[in-house]
Structure formats: C-alpha cells, structure tokens
Protein backbone atom coordinates (compact mmCIF):
# COMPACT_ATOMS: atom_id res chain seq x y z
CA MET A 1 159.21 114.65 180.45
CA SER A 2 155.88 116.32 181.08
CA ASP A 3 154.59 117.06 184.52
CA VAL A 4 151.55 115.16 185.88
CA LEU A 5 149.19 117.47 187.71
CA SER A 6 147.02 116.17 190.52
CA PRO A 7 143.30 117.00 190.34
CA PRO A 8 142.07 119.56 192.84
CA PRO A 9 140.83 118.04 196.10
CA VAL A 10 137.08 117.43 196.43
CA ASP A 11 135.35 118.68 199.56
CA PRO A 12 134.11 115.63 201.55
CA ALA A 13 130.95 117.58 202.40
CA LEU A 14 130.27 117.97 198.68
CA LEU A 15 130.73 114.24 198.08
CA LEU A 16 128.30 113.38 200.88
CA ALA A 17 125.71 115.92 199.74
CA ARG A 18 125.96 114.63 196.16
CA ALA A 19 125.42 111.05 197.30
CA GLU A 20 122.35 112.00 199.33
CA ALA A 21 120.83 113.95 196.43
CA VAL A 22 121.47 111.11 193.97
CA ALA A 23 119.86 108.62 196.36
CA LEU A 24 116.71 110.77 196.47
CA HIS A 25 116.79 111.08 192.67
CA GLN A 26 117.06 107.32 192.21
CA SER A 27 114.25 106.71 194.71
CA GLY A 28 111.86 108.68 192.50
CA ASP A 29 111.25 111.45 195.04
CA VAL A 30 111.50 114.26 192.49
CA ARG A 31 110.61 117.12 194.84
CA ALA A 32 113.06 116.08 197.55
CA ALA A 33 115.81 115.45 194.99
CA ALA A 34 115.21 118.86 193.41
CA LEU A 35 115.50 120.58 196.79
CA ALA A 36 118.70 118.65 197.51
CA TYR A 37 120.25 119.62 194.18
CA GLU A 38 119.22 123.25 194.64
CA GLY A 39 120.82 123.27 198.09
CA LEU A 40 124.00 121.80 196.64
CA LEU A 41 124.16 124.40 193.88
CA ALA A 42 123.59 127.24 196.32
CA ARG A 43 126.81 126.19 198.05
CA TRP A 44 128.76 124.82 195.05
CA PRO A 45 127.24 126.61 192.01
CA ASP A 46 129.75 125.26 189.49
CA ASP A 47 129.73 121.60 190.50
CA ALA A 48 129.44 119.88 187.12
CA PRO A 49 128.11 116.48 188.33
CA THR A 50 125.32 118.17 190.31
CA LEU A 51 124.43 120.44 187.40
CA ASN A 52 124.27 117.37 185.16
CA ASN A 53 122.08 115.41 187.57
CA TYR A 54 119.75 118.34 188.24
CA GLY A 55 119.46 118.96 184.49
CA ALA A 56 118.48 115.33 183.97
CA LEU A 57 115.91 115.55 186.78
CA CYS A 58 114.38 118.72 185.35
CA ARG A 59 114.03 117.10 181.93
CA ARG A 60 112.12 114.18 183.45
CA ALA A 61 109.89 116.68 185.26
CA GLY A 62 109.17 118.55 182.03
CA ALA A 63 111.09 121.70 183.03
CA LEU A 64 113.01 121.67 179.77
CA GLU A 65 114.38 125.21 179.73
CA ILE A 66 115.72 124.87 183.29
CA SER A 67 117.22 121.52 182.29
CA LEU A 68 118.90 123.09 179.28
CA ALA A 69 120.37 125.92 181.36
CA CYS A 70 121.74 123.50 183.97
CA LEU A 71 123.33 121.25 181.39
CA ARG A 72 124.92 124.20 179.61
CA ARG A 73 126.46 125.24 182.93
CA ALA A 74 127.61 121.66 183.53
CA LEU A 75 129.41 121.64 180.18
CA GLN A 76 130.93 125.05 180.83
CA ALA A 77 132.33 123.64 184.06
CA ASP A 78 133.49 120.38 182.46
CA ASP A 79 133.17 119.85 178.72
CA ARG A 80 134.92 116.48 178.93
CA ALA A 81 131.99 114.78 180.70
CA PRO A 82 130.26 112.35 178.29
CA ASP A 83 127.14 112.01 180.45
CA SER A 84 126.57 115.76 180.42
CA TRP A 85 126.74 115.82 176.62
CA SER A 86 124.35 112.86 176.47
CA ASN A 87 121.85 114.52 178.81
CA PHE A 88 122.22 117.79 176.91
CA GLY A 89 121.25 115.89 173.75
CA ASN A 90 118.24 114.36 175.52
CA THR A 91 116.89 117.77 176.52
CA LEU A 92 117.50 119.26 173.09
CA ALA A 93 115.63 116.30 171.60
CA GLU A 94 112.65 116.91 173.90
CA LEU A 95 112.67 120.53 172.70
CA GLU A 96 112.61 119.21 169.10
CA ARG A 97 115.97 120.84 168.39
CA TYR A 98 117.07 117.72 166.61
CA ASP A 99 120.12 119.00 164.72
CA GLU A 100 121.61 120.35 167.95
CA ALA A 101 120.77 117.11 169.74
CA VAL A 102 122.69 115.16 167.10
CA GLN A 103 125.73 117.40 167.68
CA ALA A 104 125.52 116.82 171.44
CA TYR A 105 125.38 113.03 171.06
CA VAL A 106 128.30 113.12 168.62
CA ALA A 107 130.31 115.14 171.18
CA CYS A 108 129.50 112.51 173.80
CA LEU A 109 130.53 109.66 171.53
CA LYS A 110 133.83 111.32 170.67
CA LEU A 111 134.64 111.19 174.36
CA ARG A 112 133.18 107.72 174.93
CA PRO A 113 132.48 105.77 171.72
CA ASP A 114 130.83 102.95 173.66
CA HIS A 115 128.23 105.17 175.38
CA ARG A 116 125.22 102.93 174.72
CA ASP A 117 122.50 105.37 175.73
CA ALA A 118 123.97 108.13 173.55
CA LEU A 119 124.12 105.73 170.59
CA SER A 120 120.51 104.64 171.09
CA ASN A 121 119.23 108.18 171.61
CA LEU A 122 121.16 109.39 168.58
CA GLY A 123 119.39 106.68 166.61
CA VAL A 124 116.02 107.83 167.95
CA VAL A 125 116.70 111.48 167.03
CA LEU A 126 117.82 110.52 163.53
CA ASP A 127 114.63 108.48 163.19
CA ARG A 128 112.51 111.43 164.36
CA SER A 129 114.30 113.61 161.82
CA GLY A 130 113.28 111.30 158.98
CA ARG A 131 116.81 109.88 158.63
CA HIS A 132 115.62 106.32 159.17
CA ALA A 133 118.41 104.42 157.40
CA GLU A 134 121.05 106.31 159.39
CA ALA A 135 119.09 105.60 162.56
CA ILE A 136 119.17 101.87 161.84
CA SER A 137 122.96 101.96 161.34
CA ILE A 138 123.49 103.75 164.66
CA LEU A 139 121.12 101.40 166.48
CA ASP A 140 123.06 98.48 165.00
CA CYS A 141 126.11 99.87 166.84
CA ALA A 142 124.16 100.23 170.09
CA LEU A 143 122.93 96.65 169.83
CA ALA A 144 126.42 95.37 169.10
CA LEU A 145 127.32 96.68 172.57
CA ASP A 146 124.12 95.50 174.25
CA PRO A 147 122.46 92.75 172.15
CA GLU A 148 119.66 92.00 174.63
CA ASN A 149 118.52 95.58 175.17
CA ALA A 150 114.78 95.52 174.45
CA LYS A 151 114.49 99.30 174.12
CA PHE A 152 117.24 99.42 171.50
CA HIS A 153 115.54 96.64 169.52
CA THR A 154 112.18 98.42 169.75
CA ASN A 155 113.73 101.66 168.50
CA ARG A 156 115.30 99.87 165.53
CA ALA A 157 111.98 98.18 164.78
CA LEU A 158 110.23 101.56 164.60
CA ALA A 159 112.86 102.89 162.19
CA ASN A 160 112.36 99.87 159.93
CA LEU A 161 108.59 100.30 160.07
CA ALA A 162 108.93 103.96 159.07
CA LEU A 163 110.83 102.79 155.98
CA GLY A 164 108.10 100.29 155.14
CA ASN A 165 110.25 97.28 156.05
CA TYR A 166 107.25 95.64 157.67
CA ARG A 167 108.44 92.05 157.93
CA ALA A 168 111.70 92.98 159.67
CA GLY A 169 110.05 95.79 161.61
CA PHE A 170 107.11 93.85 163.01
CA ASP A 171 109.33 90.88 163.79
CA GLU A 172 111.72 92.99 165.87
CA TYR A 173 108.84 94.99 167.34
CA GLU A 174 108.06 91.94 169.49
CA TRP A 175 110.95 93.09 171.69
CA ARG A 176 108.58 95.75 173.07
CA TRP A 177 107.17 93.08 175.38
CA GLN A 178 110.54 92.86 177.12
CA THR A 179 110.45 96.54 178.14
CA PRO A 180 109.15 97.40 181.64
CA GLU A 181 106.48 99.71 180.18
CA MET A 182 104.88 96.94 178.10
CA ARG A 183 105.60 93.84 180.16
CA ARG A 184 102.89 94.67 182.67
CA HIS A 185 100.26 94.81 179.90
CA ALA A 186 100.99 91.36 178.47
CA VAL A 187 98.31 88.67 178.80
CA ALA A 188 99.53 85.25 179.86
CA GLY A 189 99.07 82.35 177.47
CA PRO A 190 100.55 80.73 174.36
CA VAL A 191 101.12 83.42 171.73
CA TRP A 192 99.55 82.73 168.35
CA ASP A 193 102.13 82.20 165.61
CA GLY A 194 99.75 82.47 162.66
CA ALA A 195 99.14 78.73 162.31
CA PRO A 196 95.57 77.40 161.78
CA TYR A 197 93.73 76.84 165.07
CA PRO A 198 90.47 74.99 164.31
CA GLY A 199 88.34 74.28 167.35
CA ARG A 200 90.24 76.73 169.55
CA ARG A 201 89.66 80.29 170.80
CA LEU A 202 92.08 83.09 169.94
CA LEU A 203 92.13 86.17 172.16
CA VAL A 204 93.12 89.42 170.43
CA TYR A 205 93.73 92.07 173.06
CA THR A 206 94.36 95.79 173.16
CA GLU A 207 97.63 97.62 173.39
CA GLY A 208 98.36 101.27 172.67
CA GLY A 209 95.65 103.87 172.21
CA PHE A 210 92.27 103.93 170.51
CA GLY A 211 93.90 104.74 167.16
CA ASP A 212 96.11 101.65 167.28
CA VAL A 213 93.09 99.44 167.91
CA LEU A 214 91.08 101.05 165.10
CA GLN A 215 94.00 100.63 162.71
CA PHE A 216 94.82 97.00 163.49
CA ILE A 217 91.30 95.61 163.97
CA ARG A 218 91.25 95.24 160.17
CA PHE A 219 93.35 92.07 160.56
CA VAL A 220 90.79 90.18 162.66
CA PRO A 221 88.95 88.76 159.61
CA LEU A 222 92.27 87.36 158.33
CA ALA A 223 92.95 85.81 161.73
CA ALA A 224 89.44 84.36 161.84
CA ALA A 225 90.02 82.74 158.44
CA GLN A 226 92.62 80.49 160.09
CA GLY A 227 89.82 78.63 161.91
CA GLY A 228 88.42 78.63 165.41
CA GLU A 229 86.92 81.64 167.17
CA VAL A 230 88.34 85.14 167.62
CA VAL A 231 87.39 86.94 170.82
CA VAL A 232 88.49 90.54 171.29
CA CYS A 233 89.18 92.61 174.40
CA VAL A 234 89.14 96.38 173.81
CA PRO A 235 88.39 99.54 175.83
CA THR A 236 84.73 100.11 176.68
CA ALA A 237 84.38 103.02 174.26
CA LEU A 238 85.17 100.76 171.29
CA VAL A 239 83.11 97.67 172.15
CA SER A 240 79.94 98.56 170.26
CA LEU A 241 81.66 99.91 167.14
CA LEU A 242 84.03 96.96 166.78
CA SER A 243 81.42 94.31 167.56
CA ARG A 244 80.35 94.59 163.91
CA VAL A 245 83.78 93.72 162.48
CA PRO A 246 83.54 90.45 160.50
CA GLY A 247 85.23 87.55 162.25
CA VAL A 248 84.65 88.82 165.80
CA THR A 249 82.94 86.00 167.70
CA ALA A 250 82.74 87.89 170.99
CA ILE A 251 83.96 91.25 172.27
CA ALA A 252 84.17 92.77 175.75
CA ASP A 253 86.09 95.30 177.79
CA THR A 254 87.39 92.76 180.34
CA LEU A 255 89.15 89.44 179.94
CA ASP A 256 86.88 87.72 182.46
CA ALA A 257 83.81 88.52 180.35
CA LEU A 258 85.28 86.57 177.42
CA GLY A 259 85.89 83.32 179.27
CA ALA A 260 88.63 80.78 178.65
CA VAL A 261 90.89 81.08 175.60
CA ASP A 262 93.52 78.79 174.10
CA ILE A 263 95.94 81.22 172.42
CA VAL A 264 96.52 84.98 172.59
CA CYS A 265 97.79 87.72 170.30
CA PRO A 266 98.34 91.43 171.01
CA ILE A 267 96.50 93.40 168.34
CA MET A 268 99.67 95.03 166.97
CA SER A 269 101.29 91.60 166.60
CA LEU A 270 98.67 90.44 164.09
CA PRO A 271 100.66 91.56 160.99
CA ARG A 272 103.66 89.53 162.15
CA ALA A 273 101.58 86.46 162.95
CA LEU A 274 99.89 86.70 159.55
CA GLY A 275 103.21 87.21 157.74
CA LEU A 276 102.15 90.48 156.13
CA ASP A 277 104.39 92.99 154.39
CA LEU A 278 103.68 96.51 153.15
CA ASN A 279 102.17 95.25 149.89
CA ALA A 280 99.65 93.14 151.81
CA ILE A 281 98.06 96.17 153.51
CA ALA A 282 94.80 96.79 151.65
CA PRO A 283 93.84 100.48 152.01
CA GLY A 284 90.97 100.55 149.54
CA THR A 285 88.06 98.89 151.35
CA PRO A 286 86.37 100.50 154.38
CA TYR A 287 86.17 97.97 157.20
CA LEU A 288 84.08 99.86 159.76
CA GLU A 289 80.57 101.23 159.40
CA ALA A 290 78.44 103.63 161.40
CA LEU A 291 75.09 102.57 162.81
CA PRO A 292 72.22 103.73 160.57
CA GLY A 293 70.44 105.12 163.62
CA CYS A 294 73.46 107.25 164.55
CA ILE A 295 73.78 108.55 161.00
CA ALA A 296 70.08 109.49 160.94
CA HIS A 297 70.39 111.19 164.34
CA TRP A 298 73.31 113.34 163.23
CA ARG A 299 71.79 114.18 159.87
CA ALA A 300 68.81 115.56 161.75
CA ARG A 301 71.10 117.45 164.15
CA VAL A 302 73.31 119.11 161.54
CA GLY A 303 70.37 119.98 159.30
CA ALA A 304 69.90 119.98 155.56
CA HIS A 305 73.08 119.96 153.50
CA ALA A 306 73.50 123.09 151.37
CA SER A 307 74.61 121.69 148.03
CA ASN A 308 77.00 124.56 147.33
CA ARG A 309 78.86 124.39 150.66
CA LEU A 310 81.28 121.92 152.18
CA ARG A 311 80.61 120.33 155.54
CA VAL A 312 83.95 119.77 157.32
CA GLY A 313 84.56 118.07 160.67
CA LEU A 314 87.44 119.28 162.84
CA VAL A 315 89.61 117.70 165.55
CA TRP A 316 92.54 119.81 166.73
CA SER A 317 93.77 118.01 169.85
CA GLY A 318 94.47 114.46 170.95
CA GLY A 319 93.95 112.86 174.35
CA SER A 320 95.94 114.39 177.20
CA HIS A 321 97.38 111.12 178.66
CA LEU A 322 98.08 112.75 182.02
CA ASP A 323 98.97 109.35 183.50
CA HIS A 324 101.81 108.71 181.03
CA ASP A 325 104.60 111.30 180.75
CA GLU A 326 105.93 110.21 177.35
CA ALA A 327 102.46 110.01 175.80
CA ALA A 328 101.53 113.39 177.31
CA MET A 329 104.63 114.97 175.75
CA MET A 330 103.79 113.41 172.38
CA ASN A 331 100.24 114.75 172.62
CA LEU A 332 101.57 118.27 173.07
CA LYS A 333 103.56 117.88 169.86
CA ARG A 334 100.69 116.50 167.78
CA SER A 335 97.99 118.91 169.01
CA LEU A 336 97.05 122.46 168.02
CA THR A 337 94.71 125.05 169.45
CA LEU A 338 91.65 125.94 167.41
CA SER A 339 93.10 129.43 166.92
CA ASP A 340 95.98 127.82 164.97
CA LEU A 341 93.35 126.89 162.38
CA SER A 342 92.02 130.46 162.03
CA PRO A 343 93.16 130.73 158.37
CA LEU A 344 91.03 127.67 157.58
CA LEU A 345 88.02 129.00 159.46
CA ALA A 346 88.11 132.19 157.37
CA LEU A 347 87.44 130.30 154.13
CA ALA A 348 84.16 130.95 152.34
CA GLY A 349 81.80 128.15 151.39
CA VAL A 350 82.65 125.85 154.31
CA ASP A 351 80.60 124.92 157.38
CA PHE A 352 82.84 123.64 160.18
CA HIS A 353 81.63 121.09 162.74
CA SER A 354 83.61 120.10 165.82
CA LEU A 355 84.27 116.39 166.36
CA GLN A 356 86.57 117.35 169.24
CA VAL A 357 85.93 115.82 172.65
CA GLY A 358 87.36 116.59 176.07
CA ALA A 359 88.49 119.92 177.47
CA PRO A 360 89.77 121.34 174.14
CA ALA A 361 86.21 121.20 172.73
CA CYS A 362 85.36 124.40 174.65
CA GLN A 363 87.68 126.34 172.31
CA ALA A 364 84.87 126.29 169.73
CA ALA A 365 82.81 128.71 171.84
CA GLY A 366 82.50 132.08 170.15
CA THR A 367 83.82 130.82 166.80
CA CYS A 368 82.15 129.77 163.58
CA VAL A 369 82.73 126.11 164.49
CA ILE A 370 79.57 124.26 165.52
CA ASP A 371 80.35 122.33 168.71
CA HIS A 372 78.94 118.79 168.94
CA GLY A 373 81.23 117.62 171.76
CA ALA A 374 78.46 117.02 174.29
CA GLY A 375 76.76 114.56 171.94
CA LEU A 376 79.86 112.54 171.09
CA THR A 377 79.52 110.07 173.94
CA SER A 378 80.85 107.03 172.07
CA PHE A 379 82.75 106.07 168.96
CA ASP A 380 79.42 105.02 167.43
CA GLU A 381 78.24 108.61 167.76
CA THR A 382 81.49 109.99 166.35
CA ALA A 383 81.27 107.55 163.43
CA GLY A 384 77.71 108.69 162.75
CA LEU A 385 78.67 112.37 162.70
CA ALA A 386 81.82 111.70 160.63
CA THR A 387 79.68 109.94 158.02
CA CYS A 388 77.66 113.15 157.63
CA MET A 389 80.78 115.18 156.78
CA ASP A 390 82.22 115.79 153.32
CA LEU A 391 85.70 115.92 154.84
CA ILE A 392 87.34 115.45 158.23
CA ILE A 393 90.40 117.50 159.18
CA THR A 394 92.16 116.14 162.23
CA VAL A 395 95.44 115.86 164.06
CA ASP A 396 97.03 112.41 164.31
CA THR A 397 94.57 110.91 166.76
CA SER A 398 91.91 108.19 166.82
CA VAL A 399 89.50 110.15 164.61
CA ALA A 400 92.03 109.96 161.75
CA HIS A 401 91.87 106.16 161.94
CA LEU A 402 88.11 106.13 162.42
CA ALA A 403 87.54 108.31 159.36
CA GLY A 404 89.95 106.25 157.27
CA ALA A 405 88.36 102.98 158.38
CA LEU A 406 84.93 104.38 157.46
CA GLY A 407 86.26 105.39 154.04
CA ARG A 408 85.57 109.09 154.69
CA PRO A 409 87.91 111.69 153.15
CA VAL A 410 90.31 112.76 155.90
CA TRP A 411 93.19 115.22 156.00
CA VAL A 412 95.67 114.64 158.81
CA LEU A 413 97.88 117.31 160.35
CA SER A 414 101.02 115.36 161.22
CA ARG A 415 103.89 116.49 163.43
CA PHE A 416 107.46 116.77 162.08
CA ASP A 417 108.57 113.52 163.75
CA GLN A 418 105.48 111.76 162.54
CA CYS A 419 104.45 108.27 163.57
CA TRP A 420 106.06 105.32 161.76
CA ARG A 421 102.69 104.23 160.34
CA TRP A 422 102.56 107.15 157.90
CA LEU A 423 105.92 106.15 156.38
CA SER A 424 108.49 108.66 155.18
CA GLY A 425 108.11 111.26 152.45
CA ARG A 426 104.50 110.45 151.55
CA THR A 427 101.27 112.43 151.49
CA ASP A 428 99.10 109.35 150.93
CA SER A 429 98.76 106.35 153.22
CA PRO A 430 99.13 102.62 152.61
CA TRP A 431 96.59 102.11 155.39
CA TYR A 432 93.70 104.32 154.25
CA ALA A 433 92.88 105.18 150.64
CA SER A 434 90.88 108.26 151.68
CA LEU A 435 93.62 109.83 153.83
CA THR A 436 95.97 112.70 152.93
CA LEU A 437 98.87 113.80 155.13
CA TYR A 438 99.96 117.38 155.81
CA GLN A 439 103.22 117.12 157.73
CA GLN A 440 105.17 119.83 159.52
CA SER A 441 108.34 120.82 157.67
CA THR A 442 109.79 122.37 160.84
CA PRO A 443 109.37 120.92 164.34
CA GLY A 444 106.61 122.67 166.27
CA ASP A 445 105.57 124.91 163.36
CA TRP A 446 102.07 124.29 161.99
CA SER A 447 102.05 127.25 159.60
CA ALA A 448 103.18 125.33 156.50
CA PRO A 449 100.71 122.41 156.73
CA VAL A 450 97.86 124.76 157.67
CA SER A 451 98.70 127.01 154.70
CA ALA A 452 98.68 123.97 152.40
CA MET A 453 95.28 122.98 153.77
CA VAL A 454 93.95 126.52 153.22
CA ARG A 455 95.06 126.29 149.59
CA ASP A 456 93.55 122.85 149.01
CA LEU A 457 90.34 123.38 150.96
CA GLY A 458 89.81 126.76 149.30
CA ALA A 459 90.13 125.15 145.88
CA LEU A 460 87.77 122.34 146.86
CA ALA A 461 85.19 124.78 148.24
CA ALA A 462 85.38 126.85 145.05
CA ASP A 463 84.82 123.74 142.92
CA VAL A 464 81.80 122.75 145.02
CA ALA A 465 80.34 126.26 144.77
CA MET A 466 80.58 126.10 140.97
CA CYS A 467 79.53 122.44 140.61
CA PRO A 468 77.41 121.54 143.66
CA GLU A 469 76.90 117.96 142.55
CA ILE A 470 80.54 117.04 143.31
CA SER A 471 79.94 117.36 147.06
C-alpha cells in the first residue's frame, strides 16, 4: 500500500493576510489590493495563490509584463493550479501571444475540464486567431456547462459573424444586452421585431462607437419601408451628417428631444429585425453624402489638384477610449504612429493630407503630411475633406466607415485579430465596395501590411503620373 502524505501546514497569518488582500481586490480598490499583495509576497515570496491573484490584478491594471512574471512564478510554485494556468492564458492573450495562450488554456483544462472561463477564453483566443469554427466548437462546450451565460453567447455570436453566418450570429448577438456592460445602455420599450408598424414611431438608438453607427445607419431606409416614422438618437457629432439619410423622420442627440416613441431598436439589431443575411448586404451604393458647401470649402483649402499626383488622406490612430479599459486596449492594437507609415510617406507622386483628429494629429508636424486636424470639427467637415481625396488610408476606425459609406476608395490597415465585420481571409468587404483590407499577418507587426500598401500605392502613383486622367 502507498503512503498518504499530509500537506504542509499553512501559516494562519498567511491565510488571514490572503483573505484581507482578496477582499480589497474584490472591492475594486486596485491600489490597496496591490499594496496588500506586495506585502504578502515580501513575507511569503513563493505563495502560489497570492502570485496568481496579484498576476490577475496586474493584468486588469494593464501591467502585463508584471502580470506575466507573477503568473510564471505561481506556476513554478504550483503547476497543478488550474486558475493560475487560466490567468496565465489571459495575460498571454492580452499580449497577443495567442499560440502560447492556447497552450495555457489547454493545460488548465487538462487539470479541470469543466473550467468554464478557460473554455470561453480559449474560444475567444481561437476566434482572434482566425480559427472561428474551432472557436464555435469550444464555446459550445462552455455553453453546455453554463447555458445562460450572456458573455459566452456573445462570444459565439461574434465568431459566427466573422464566418459570415449573419442570421445565426445576429440572432445570438442579442445576448449582449444581458451583459452588465450593455444592460445599462438599453432603452426601455417594446423591441421592434421587424413587423410592419404603420402609424407608429420607431426609435433607432446608438450603441458602440461612431463606426458602428456609420456602418448600420444604412438599414434605416429598410426599416422605414415597414411603415410609420423612424426617429434616430445618435451622438452629437453625427447628427448633421446622418440627418440626410433617407427614411430618417427626426434625429437628435438625446432621447427627450425626440419625444414619445412606440417601439425601439438598437442600431446593431436592425439586421436581425430585418431578417438579413450576408447576401442581403448591398456594398455597391454609397448611402452618405457630404454637404456641397463643405466640399467647396475643402477644395479651396487643399488647392488645385495636380493631375499627375495622387491626393491621399491619412488616419493612423483611433479614439483613445480612456473611460473604457477594453476599448482602450483595442485602440492600442489597431493604431499606429505616423512614423510607422514612413515608407509610404517616401513615395513620389503623392500628396498626403491628415484626416487625423485628437492628440495624434500633432505627429504630422515636421513631416510632409499636411495637417487639417484643426478644421475637422465635425463629421460633415471630415466627409467634405474625404470627398476631395483620391484615396483614404486609415486604421480600422470611424473614417474607414465614413469613406466607404461615401463611396470613396479606402484602404484599411487592420489588426491581426481584426473585427468580425471584415470577415475572415478577405481583402474586400461585403459592406463597402470601395474598401480594401490590409491585415497584419503577425500580431502587433505592421510591417507586412505597410509594405503591401507601399507596393500598391507606388504602382497607382506611377500609373497616375503616366496617365493623369485616371486620377
């Protein structure tokens, strides 16, 4: 018979200190929790549970390298702890080290096959890696363990959308309204199911960022065709531009300004309500237009167009989203610095104009890029300037959607784990006929897509120089 060894005794002082630190962590007091964990580790440097908890806290605070080091130490102290493997995978995923993250989640699941968070996060990482079908299979397993988990459903919806399974994807995407992040943004009222509504008022309201609104506003005319009136609530910056969309009866930046309504629909729920699939998305027809006065203003500002040169608008950074940690992290992944585009700026035969707004616009100082940031005070102004460009080159931000909706040629620099809306393995878009995608082949590395743009823009500039009429 084999001997049974008793575990080593745990110091009661350690147990008490752990409990106090965890209570601070759970209360949301990050600074106090960090100090408590650091005090614990000064006295018990190899305590695996504390290393795991501190690693998780550091990841939430954005200190990813510290998090990684702590979790490595936790696993060195106890490599049989499923939660440490799961948290290790989470930090690796934030660092875009997706293959290693997959290995960490698999190690967790070998120890605890029913670890729901590890299953869900493994599905998310597979989805970010472009392995959407595998992601759906893993998320099926997570949902078998927790069928009412809204986050798991939302993650599976996004994987289906990335595959172009729009009916299933948009249907399941309604689960987003059961997550704490989205529930507080919901507007009370009967939700429109796509049925005709003659004599009634339908409220379409904003969710997501500017780009989401610009992308999905195209469905308002279809909603208006079902009868009644469509009133739209959007951020202030979009009111003027979107007031000209056919089918919009009234538009405002507050609900009170629109008055009473009978039924409501979040803007990203319109495809589901209308019963649309991928084939029903019509990318060919521009559905937004710039104001003639804005176009004339910007034509005067940028000067006469040299017929043998290209005029290219640039946007290299998205909005910072400092009030939303997850969105801020995503913005870091989708954005570049202007210096990352130096190979483009060196091309002959191209005049570059900045459509960048916000703090990153100052990066144009001292470069060949003409900065128009101070004049871009509204989306109407940006639309006017974009209309004066032969081509817009942008990261995956609202200007990509604006240019596509205007029917302007637009090249989009897309991160490795690109948004579901661009689908998988494509350089064109089902949403915008004038859009071309240049996706990272390696997480965090813009060199390949920028090099491809240098090749294509150089060829286009050479063609224009030889045959000016094509511009």
